Amino acid sequence: VKLVTHEIRCPLTGTVIEVSVSVGDTVTEGDLLVVIESMKMENEVFSEVSGTVTEVRIEEDQNVSEEAVIVVIRN
């Protein structure tokens, strides 16, 4: 079985207001990963794949740029 790593990227520039996963968590496609605030609106980032979270590269109150890798999932 080959393990594949998926990098979840931030869809927009903003501030992280919630991180819903931790390293080691099992996620399913569609699970909420992170909430980003941009222009006074909350934007939810959902998992594109099912698997295990191997990296969380952001934390709450951190500024994040569009296209930055925020979570890594292996399946």
Protein backbone atom coordinates (compact mmCIF):
# COMPACT_ATOMS: atom_id res chain seq x y z
CA VAL A 1 0.00 0.00 0.00
CA LYS A 2 1.46 3.33 -1.05
CA LEU A 3 0.86 6.26 1.29
CA VAL A 4 0.09 9.56 -0.39
CA THR A 5 0.62 12.94 1.26
CA HIS A 6 -1.82 15.77 0.54
CA GLU A 7 -1.00 19.41 1.28
CA ILE A 8 -4.05 21.47 2.16
CA ARG A 9 -3.44 25.08 1.11
CA CYS A 10 -5.02 28.25 2.41
CA PRO A 11 -7.58 29.55 -0.12
CA LEU A 12 -7.10 33.21 0.84
CA THR A 13 -4.97 35.60 2.89
CA GLY A 14 -6.25 36.17 6.41
CA THR A 15 -5.93 35.37 10.10
CA VAL A 16 -6.41 31.91 11.59
CA ILE A 17 -9.22 32.07 14.15
CA GLU A 18 -9.74 28.34 14.74
CA VAL A 19 -7.73 25.17 14.18
CA SER A 20 -10.03 22.15 14.41
CA VAL A 21 -7.47 19.35 13.98
CA SER A 22 -4.26 18.17 15.60
CA VAL A 23 -1.42 15.94 14.44
CA GLY A 24 -2.56 12.32 14.64
CA ASP A 25 -6.25 13.08 14.09
CA THR A 26 -8.13 10.99 11.54
CA VAL A 27 -10.19 13.11 9.16
CA THR A 28 -12.76 12.35 6.49
CA GLU A 29 -13.22 14.25 3.26
CA GLY A 30 -15.39 17.27 4.11
CA ASP A 31 -14.29 17.60 7.76
CA LEU A 32 -13.61 21.13 9.01
CA LEU A 33 -9.87 21.78 9.38
CA VAL A 34 -9.40 25.51 9.91
CA VAL A 35 -11.37 28.77 10.03
CA ILE A 36 -9.71 31.83 8.45
CA GLU A 37 -10.97 35.39 8.93
CA SER A 38 -10.54 37.66 5.93
CA MET A 39 -12.20 41.03 5.39
CA LYS A 40 -14.35 40.48 8.53
CA MET A 41 -15.76 37.22 7.12
CA GLU A 42 -15.12 33.73 8.46
CA ASN A 43 -14.03 31.23 5.81
CA GLU A 44 -14.03 27.52 6.61
CA VAL A 45 -11.39 25.23 5.11
CA PHE A 46 -12.48 21.61 4.73
CA SER A 47 -10.46 18.47 4.11
CA GLU A 48 -10.24 17.44 0.47
CA VAL A 49 -9.26 13.86 1.41
CA SER A 50 -9.66 11.25 4.13
CA GLY A 51 -6.60 10.25 6.14
CA THR A 52 -4.40 11.10 9.11
CA VAL A 53 -3.17 14.61 9.91
CA THR A 54 0.66 14.51 9.88
CA GLU A 55 1.37 18.25 10.12
CA VAL A 56 -0.46 21.38 11.27
CA ARG A 57 1.60 24.34 10.09
CA ILE A 58 -0.51 27.15 11.51
CA GLU A 59 -1.88 28.25 14.88
CA GLU A 60 -4.68 30.51 16.07
CA ASP A 61 -4.14 34.28 15.64
CA GLN A 62 -1.47 33.65 13.00
CA ASN A 63 -1.58 35.57 9.72
CA VAL A 64 -1.52 33.25 6.74
CA SER A 65 -1.02 33.89 3.03
CA GLU A 66 -3.06 32.55 0.15
CA GLU A 67 -1.67 29.22 -1.11
CA ALA A 68 0.40 28.60 2.06
CA VAL A 69 0.36 24.96 3.15
CA ILE A 70 -1.66 24.85 6.37
CA VAL A 71 -2.30 21.14 7.00
CA VAL A 72 -0.73 17.94 5.66
CA ILE A 73 -2.79 14.73 5.50
CA ARG A 74 -1.55 11.23 4.65
CA ASN A 75 -3.85 8.52 3.37
